[in-house]
Amino acid sequence: MPSIKDVAKLAGVSIATVSRVINGYDNVAEETRKRVIEAIRKLNYHPVYSVKTAALKRTIGVLVPDFGGFHYNGILTGIEKEAIKRDFTLMVSTTFHRTSVELERLEVLFAKRVDGIIVCTTKRDEEQLERFVKSAIPVVVVDREEPEIKLDSVGIDNYSAGRLCAKYLMNKGHRKILLLRGKSDIFSFSDRERGFIDYCNKHGAEAKAVPCGYFPEHGYCAVEKYLKKNGKDFTAVFAINDFTAIGAMKALNDAGLHVPDDVSVMGFDDDPISRYTIPALTTVRQPREEMGKAAFEILYDRLMGKKGVARKILLPVELVERSSVKELKKMS
């Protein structure tokens, strides 16, 4: 079993320097830190944190914005399954959609000397992530805007997915559509919205975008408020995710409107509950678990020494047609 002395010898530094790198101290030159971490990886060295001689498993840090809903839980499930197969442990933390909290969490992961990091956040955080890149700790980003620094990434093409949803509703005869747009600072929502609106504008449909969030109560309040102000001047609702679609369906029902006879509703994500709504929700399946698995596979390849340019994987989405969208009669 390699020792800290072996790491120091291979990196050409003192044992004290290796210790400072392991514990995340700042008083080490970046080039030196990189040499030490490379030596640690080559020797497969694991520091011992207790009197027991057993070494720790390799650890992956995972950052997510929240644990609400199904989205990030699905991605985490995919990561966890692959981690178990290869005897890795996960250190999971949430950022609550706040950049300041993310910075704190990243500092903790750095100090703990995790072997790699998977980041599923919605904010721009290249400055924080660059520290890991410079110190040779592999980073994979998931479900987020492509960062300025070159990092491996996994996600879907949200712009094209938005166009797919608009095309589907238009093929069903809908030309006046209420768009529940989601939070503008979440890039996946904004890209999805942009694709939807661009397709509608190009093909002669009207997309009425209204502010919303991403939970059922947000969808409910957005539709309730819109109806009170404007009445029903749309034939379909497209919600940026399934949660808001479910809230919208409740608001329509409370207003005496039936889905899909009076108004059609379409969501996005294919949450497990979507098939059990009344009527069952038409939506688009986002391959969350597959995203998590792909992210871990890329990270694992990097940890095993596989070099090369940053990889960008875009996984396909799938239209799931159920009962919440009605085909309108063809215009003569």
Protein backbone atom coordinates (compact mmCIF):
# COMPACT_ATOMS: atom_id res chain seq x y z
CA MET A 1 0.00 0.00 0.00
CA PRO A 2 1.52 3.37 -1.03
CA SER A 3 2.33 5.84 1.71
CA ILE A 4 2.40 9.63 1.90
CA LYS A 5 6.19 9.33 1.67
CA ASP A 6 5.83 7.59 -1.70
CA VAL A 7 3.58 10.40 -2.94
CA ALA A 8 6.08 13.04 -1.83
CA LYS A 9 8.94 11.23 -3.56
CA LEU A 10 7.05 10.84 -6.87
CA ALA A 11 5.91 14.47 -6.85
CA GLY A 12 9.35 15.76 -5.82
CA VAL A 13 8.05 17.62 -2.76
CA SER A 14 8.15 17.29 1.00
CA ILE A 15 5.72 15.22 3.06
CA ALA A 16 4.45 18.47 4.60
CA THR A 17 3.54 19.79 1.14
CA VAL A 18 1.60 16.61 0.35
CA SER A 19 -0.25 17.03 3.64
CA ARG A 20 -1.14 20.64 2.81
CA VAL A 21 -2.55 19.60 -0.57
CA ILE A 22 -4.57 16.76 0.95
CA ASN A 23 -6.08 19.13 3.49
CA GLY A 24 -6.89 21.85 0.95
CA TYR A 25 -4.61 24.59 2.24
CA ASP A 26 -4.01 27.62 -0.01
CA ASN A 27 -0.29 28.05 0.65
CA VAL A 28 0.73 25.68 -2.16
CA ALA A 29 1.57 26.77 -5.71
CA GLU A 30 -0.95 25.52 -8.26
CA GLU A 31 1.69 23.70 -10.29
CA THR A 32 2.93 21.95 -7.14
CA ARG A 33 -0.62 21.06 -6.14
CA LYS A 34 -1.18 19.58 -9.57
CA ARG A 35 1.98 17.43 -9.36
CA VAL A 36 0.96 16.14 -5.93
CA ILE A 37 -2.56 15.23 -7.03
CA GLU A 38 -1.22 13.50 -10.15
CA ALA A 39 1.13 11.49 -7.93
CA ILE A 40 -1.75 10.59 -5.61
CA ARG A 41 -3.75 9.31 -8.59
CA LYS A 42 -0.87 7.35 -10.13
CA LEU A 43 -0.15 5.61 -6.83
CA ASN A 44 -3.86 5.25 -5.96
CA TYR A 45 -3.00 6.66 -2.55
CA HIS A 46 -5.73 7.17 0.06
CA PRO A 47 -5.02 9.03 3.29
CA VAL A 48 -5.98 7.34 6.55
CA TYR A 49 -8.20 9.50 8.74
CA SER A 50 -8.41 7.24 11.81
CA VAL A 51 -6.31 4.84 13.84
CA LYS A 52 -7.67 2.02 11.71
CA THR A 53 -5.45 1.12 8.78
CA ALA A 54 -8.31 0.71 6.33
CA ALA A 55 -8.19 3.27 3.54
CA LEU A 56 -11.19 5.33 2.49
CA LYS A 57 -13.10 4.52 -0.68
CA ARG A 58 -12.72 6.96 -3.52
CA THR A 59 -15.21 9.78 -3.13
CA ILE A 60 -17.19 11.81 -5.65
CA GLY A 61 -18.69 15.16 -4.67
CA VAL A 62 -22.10 15.97 -6.15
CA LEU A 63 -23.75 19.41 -6.02
CA VAL A 64 -27.45 19.91 -6.82
CA PRO A 65 -29.66 23.03 -6.51
CA ASP A 66 -32.36 21.30 -4.45
CA PHE A 67 -33.92 17.97 -3.53
CA GLY A 68 -37.50 19.00 -4.30
CA GLY A 69 -39.42 17.22 -7.04
CA PHE A 70 -38.01 14.38 -9.14
CA HIS A 71 -35.46 15.99 -11.43
CA TYR A 72 -32.23 16.03 -9.44
CA ASN A 73 -33.23 12.95 -7.49
CA GLY A 74 -33.42 11.10 -10.80
CA ILE A 75 -29.97 12.32 -11.83
CA LEU A 76 -28.59 11.34 -8.40
CA THR A 77 -30.07 7.86 -8.76
CA GLY A 78 -28.14 7.36 -11.98
CA ILE A 79 -24.91 8.59 -10.40
CA GLU A 80 -25.41 6.43 -7.30
CA LYS A 81 -26.03 3.24 -9.26
CA GLU A 82 -22.79 3.63 -11.19
CA ALA A 83 -20.86 4.65 -8.05
CA ILE A 84 -21.99 1.49 -6.25
CA LYS A 85 -20.85 -0.68 -9.16
CA ARG A 86 -17.33 0.73 -8.88
CA ASP A 87 -17.14 0.95 -5.10
CA PHE A 88 -17.18 4.76 -4.91
CA THR A 89 -18.91 6.81 -2.24
CA LEU A 90 -20.82 10.04 -2.85
CA MET A 91 -20.69 13.28 -0.88
CA VAL A 92 -23.94 15.04 -1.89
CA SER A 93 -24.91 18.60 -1.04
CA THR A 94 -27.52 21.13 -2.13
CA THR A 95 -26.85 24.76 -3.04
CA PHE A 96 -30.46 26.03 -2.66
CA HIS A 97 -29.95 27.80 -6.02
CA ARG A 98 -27.52 30.25 -4.34
CA THR A 99 -24.04 30.94 -5.74
CA SER A 100 -22.67 31.87 -2.30
CA VAL A 101 -23.77 28.53 -0.85
CA GLU A 102 -22.31 26.70 -3.84
CA LEU A 103 -18.95 28.36 -3.21
CA GLU A 104 -19.03 27.18 0.41
CA ARG A 105 -19.89 23.63 -0.64
CA LEU A 106 -17.13 23.57 -3.25
CA GLU A 107 -14.61 24.73 -0.65
CA VAL A 108 -15.65 21.84 1.60
CA LEU A 109 -15.27 19.35 -1.25
CA PHE A 110 -11.84 20.74 -2.05
CA ALA A 111 -10.74 20.49 1.58
CA LYS A 112 -12.00 16.90 1.75
CA ARG A 113 -9.89 16.10 -1.35
CA VAL A 114 -12.66 14.39 -3.25
CA ASP A 115 -11.49 12.47 -6.30
CA GLY A 116 -13.90 14.21 -8.66
CA ILE A 117 -16.99 16.42 -8.78
CA ILE A 118 -20.31 16.33 -10.61
CA VAL A 119 -22.04 19.72 -10.60
CA CYS A 120 -25.78 20.04 -11.34
CA THR A 121 -26.29 23.73 -10.62
CA THR A 122 -28.21 26.43 -12.48
CA LYS A 123 -25.87 29.37 -11.93
CA ARG A 124 -22.72 30.57 -13.67
CA ASP A 125 -19.85 29.41 -11.48
CA GLU A 126 -16.82 29.05 -13.75
CA GLU A 127 -14.55 30.88 -11.32
CA GLN A 128 -15.25 28.38 -8.55
CA LEU A 129 -14.93 25.36 -10.83
CA GLU A 130 -11.71 26.54 -12.43
CA ARG A 131 -9.89 25.95 -9.16
CA PHE A 132 -10.67 22.25 -9.41
CA VAL A 133 -9.65 22.09 -13.06
CA LYS A 134 -6.28 23.70 -12.27
CA SER A 135 -5.69 21.27 -9.41
CA ALA A 136 -6.35 18.26 -11.68
CA ILE A 137 -9.60 17.28 -9.94
CA PRO A 138 -11.97 16.17 -12.74
CA VAL A 139 -15.27 18.04 -13.03
CA VAL A 140 -18.37 17.08 -15.01
CA VAL A 141 -21.32 19.47 -15.31
CA VAL A 142 -24.88 18.18 -15.77
CA ASP A 143 -28.08 19.83 -17.02
CA ARG A 144 -26.69 23.34 -17.29
CA GLU A 145 -25.46 25.95 -19.70
CA GLU A 146 -22.17 25.14 -21.36
CA PRO A 147 -19.50 26.86 -19.24
CA GLU A 148 -16.83 29.16 -20.61
CA ILE A 149 -14.06 26.93 -19.33
CA LYS A 150 -13.73 23.59 -21.08
CA LEU A 151 -15.48 20.98 -18.96
CA ASP A 152 -17.11 17.65 -19.70
CA SER A 153 -20.89 18.05 -19.78
CA VAL A 154 -24.07 15.97 -20.00
CA GLY A 155 -27.59 17.20 -20.70
CA ILE A 156 -30.32 17.54 -23.30
CA ASP A 157 -30.89 20.06 -26.09
CA ASN A 158 -33.53 22.16 -24.32
CA TYR A 159 -33.95 24.52 -27.27
CA SER A 160 -34.79 21.68 -29.65
CA ALA A 161 -37.03 20.10 -27.00
CA GLY A 162 -39.00 23.37 -26.75
CA ARG A 163 -39.46 23.37 -30.52
CA LEU A 164 -40.66 19.76 -30.36
CA CYS A 165 -43.39 20.73 -27.87
CA ALA A 166 -44.55 23.67 -29.97
CA LYS A 167 -44.63 21.53 -33.11
CA TYR A 168 -46.70 18.87 -31.37
CA LEU A 169 -49.33 21.34 -30.13
CA MET A 170 -49.51 23.07 -33.51
CA ASN A 171 -49.93 19.73 -35.28
CA LYS A 172 -52.93 19.20 -32.99
CA GLY A 173 -54.42 22.44 -34.30
CA HIS A 174 -53.53 24.81 -31.44
CA ARG A 175 -52.58 28.37 -32.43
CA LYS A 176 -53.17 30.28 -29.19
CA ILE A 177 -51.05 28.80 -26.41
CA LEU A 178 -50.43 29.94 -22.84
CA LEU A 179 -46.79 29.35 -21.94
CA LEU A 180 -45.93 28.97 -18.24
CA ARG A 181 -42.34 30.06 -18.55
CA GLY A 182 -40.53 29.08 -15.34
CA LYS A 183 -37.74 31.07 -13.66
CA SER A 184 -35.62 33.04 -16.10
CA ASP A 185 -32.33 32.40 -14.27
CA ILE A 186 -32.57 28.64 -14.85
CA PHE A 187 -30.98 28.18 -18.24
CA SER A 188 -32.78 24.92 -19.10
CA PHE A 189 -36.13 26.67 -18.67
CA SER A 190 -35.10 29.73 -20.67
CA ASP A 191 -33.69 27.61 -23.52
CA ARG A 192 -36.84 25.48 -23.59
CA GLU A 193 -38.99 28.62 -23.65
CA ARG A 194 -36.90 30.20 -26.40
CA GLY A 195 -37.22 27.12 -28.61
CA PHE A 196 -40.98 27.00 -28.06
CA ILE A 197 -41.53 30.68 -28.85
CA ASP A 198 -39.22 30.67 -31.87
CA TYR A 199 -41.13 27.76 -33.41
CA CYS A 200 -44.51 29.38 -32.72
CA ASN A 201 -43.40 32.70 -34.23
CA LYS A 202 -42.02 31.01 -37.33
CA HIS A 203 -45.13 28.93 -37.97
CA GLY A 204 -47.92 31.36 -37.18
CA ALA A 205 -48.93 30.50 -33.61
CA GLU A 206 -49.23 32.88 -30.67
CA ALA A 207 -47.40 31.93 -27.47
CA LYS A 208 -48.54 34.05 -24.53
CA ALA A 209 -45.66 33.76 -22.05
CA VAL A 210 -46.55 34.40 -18.40
CA PRO A 211 -44.20 34.38 -15.38
CA CYS A 212 -44.26 31.22 -13.32
CA GLY A 213 -42.05 29.05 -11.09
CA TYR A 214 -41.54 25.31 -11.09
CA PHE A 215 -43.85 23.90 -8.41
CA PRO A 216 -47.61 23.11 -8.65
CA GLU A 217 -48.63 26.18 -6.66
CA HIS A 218 -46.77 28.36 -9.16
CA GLY A 219 -48.66 26.85 -12.08
CA TYR A 220 -51.95 27.18 -10.25
CA CYS A 221 -51.44 30.85 -9.35
CA ALA A 222 -50.19 31.79 -12.83
CA VAL A 223 -53.24 30.32 -14.59
CA GLU A 224 -55.70 31.60 -11.99
CA LYS A 225 -54.29 35.13 -12.28
CA TYR A 226 -54.26 35.03 -16.08
CA LEU A 227 -57.87 33.83 -16.33
CA LYS A 228 -59.11 36.54 -13.98
CA LYS A 229 -57.40 39.22 -16.03
CA ASN A 230 -57.84 37.96 -19.60
CA GLY A 231 -60.37 35.13 -19.60
CA LYS A 232 -59.83 32.03 -21.71
CA ASP A 233 -58.19 33.37 -24.85
CA PHE A 234 -56.07 30.25 -25.45
CA THR A 235 -56.76 26.64 -26.41
CA ALA A 236 -53.70 25.02 -24.84
CA VAL A 237 -51.24 25.44 -21.99
CA PHE A 238 -47.59 24.46 -22.26
CA ALA A 239 -45.92 24.30 -18.85
CA ILE A 240 -42.14 24.42 -18.55
CA ASN A 241 -42.27 21.28 -16.36
CA ASP A 242 -44.81 18.71 -15.16
CA PHE A 243 -45.18 20.20 -11.69
CA THR A 244 -46.44 23.51 -13.05
CA ALA A 245 -48.64 21.66 -15.55
CA ILE A 246 -50.35 19.82 -12.71
CA GLY A 247 -50.99 23.09 -10.89
CA ALA A 248 -52.37 24.57 -14.10
CA MET A 249 -54.79 21.65 -14.52
CA LYS A 250 -56.12 22.24 -11.01
CA ALA A 251 -56.60 25.96 -11.69
CA LEU A 252 -58.46 25.24 -14.94
CA ASN A 253 -60.69 22.74 -13.18
CA ASP A 254 -61.46 25.19 -10.37
CA ALA A 255 -62.42 27.76 -13.02
CA GLY A 256 -64.96 25.32 -14.48
CA LEU A 257 -62.83 24.39 -17.50
CA HIS A 258 -62.27 20.77 -18.45
CA VAL A 259 -59.00 19.28 -19.69
CA PRO A 260 -58.72 18.55 -22.58
CA ASP A 261 -62.23 19.37 -23.86
CA ASP A 262 -61.96 23.09 -23.06
CA VAL A 263 -58.20 23.50 -22.73
CA SER A 264 -55.35 21.14 -23.58
CA VAL A 265 -52.35 20.92 -21.24
CA MET A 266 -48.81 19.72 -21.96
CA GLY A 267 -45.92 19.41 -19.52
CA PHE A 268 -42.24 18.51 -19.63
CA ASP A 269 -40.13 15.93 -17.72
CA ASP A 270 -42.44 12.87 -17.49
CA ASP A 271 -42.48 12.83 -13.70
CA PRO A 272 -43.73 9.54 -12.17
CA ILE A 273 -47.00 11.21 -11.10
CA SER A 274 -47.81 12.50 -14.60
CA ARG A 275 -49.42 9.29 -15.77
CA TYR A 276 -51.78 9.33 -12.77
CA THR A 277 -53.27 12.81 -13.21
CA ILE A 278 -56.84 13.08 -14.52
CA PRO A 279 -56.52 13.16 -17.45
CA ALA A 280 -53.06 11.64 -17.75
CA LEU A 281 -50.55 14.32 -18.72
CA THR A 282 -48.98 14.52 -22.17
CA THR A 283 -45.34 15.45 -21.66
CA VAL A 284 -41.74 14.98 -22.80
CA ARG A 285 -39.53 12.44 -21.08
CA GLN A 286 -36.19 13.79 -19.93
CA PRO A 287 -33.68 10.93 -19.37
CA ARG A 288 -32.61 11.96 -15.88
CA GLU A 289 -31.18 8.67 -14.65
CA GLU A 290 -29.30 8.21 -17.92
CA MET A 291 -27.83 11.70 -17.48
CA GLY A 292 -26.49 10.73 -14.07
CA LYS A 293 -25.04 7.49 -15.37
CA ALA A 294 -23.35 9.23 -18.30
CA ALA A 295 -21.87 11.88 -16.01
CA PHE A 296 -20.35 9.27 -13.73
CA GLU A 297 -18.99 7.29 -16.70
CA ILE A 298 -17.19 10.37 -18.04
CA LEU A 299 -15.82 11.20 -14.59
CA TYR A 300 -14.68 7.62 -14.08
CA ASP A 301 -12.84 7.68 -17.42
CA ARG A 302 -11.01 10.84 -16.34
CA LEU A 303 -10.09 9.30 -13.00
CA MET A 304 -8.70 6.30 -14.84
CA GLY A 305 -6.40 8.60 -16.78
CA LYS A 306 -8.33 8.93 -20.04
CA LYS A 307 -7.29 12.23 -21.61
CA GLY A 308 -8.71 14.19 -24.50
CA VAL A 309 -10.84 17.21 -25.31
CA ALA A 310 -13.88 18.03 -23.17
CA ARG A 311 -16.84 15.82 -24.03
CA LYS A 312 -20.34 17.19 -24.53
CA ILE A 313 -23.10 14.58 -24.43
CA LEU A 314 -26.67 15.52 -25.39
CA LEU A 315 -29.15 12.74 -24.67
CA PRO A 316 -32.42 12.39 -26.64
CA VAL A 317 -35.83 13.28 -25.23
CA GLU A 318 -39.05 11.38 -25.94
CA LEU A 319 -42.57 12.70 -26.51
CA VAL A 320 -45.01 10.88 -24.23
CA GLU A 321 -48.55 11.27 -25.57
CA ARG A 322 -51.36 10.66 -23.08
CA SER A 323 -54.82 12.20 -22.70
CA SER A 324 -54.41 15.87 -21.74
CA VAL A 325 -54.10 17.28 -25.29
CA LYS A 326 -57.08 17.37 -27.65
CA GLU A 327 -56.84 17.58 -31.42
CA LEU A 328 -58.89 20.51 -32.66
CA LYS A 329 -61.09 20.19 -35.72
CA LYS A 330 -59.35 21.10 -38.92
CA MET A 331 -60.12 24.57 -40.21
CA SER A 332 -61.87 24.53 -43.60
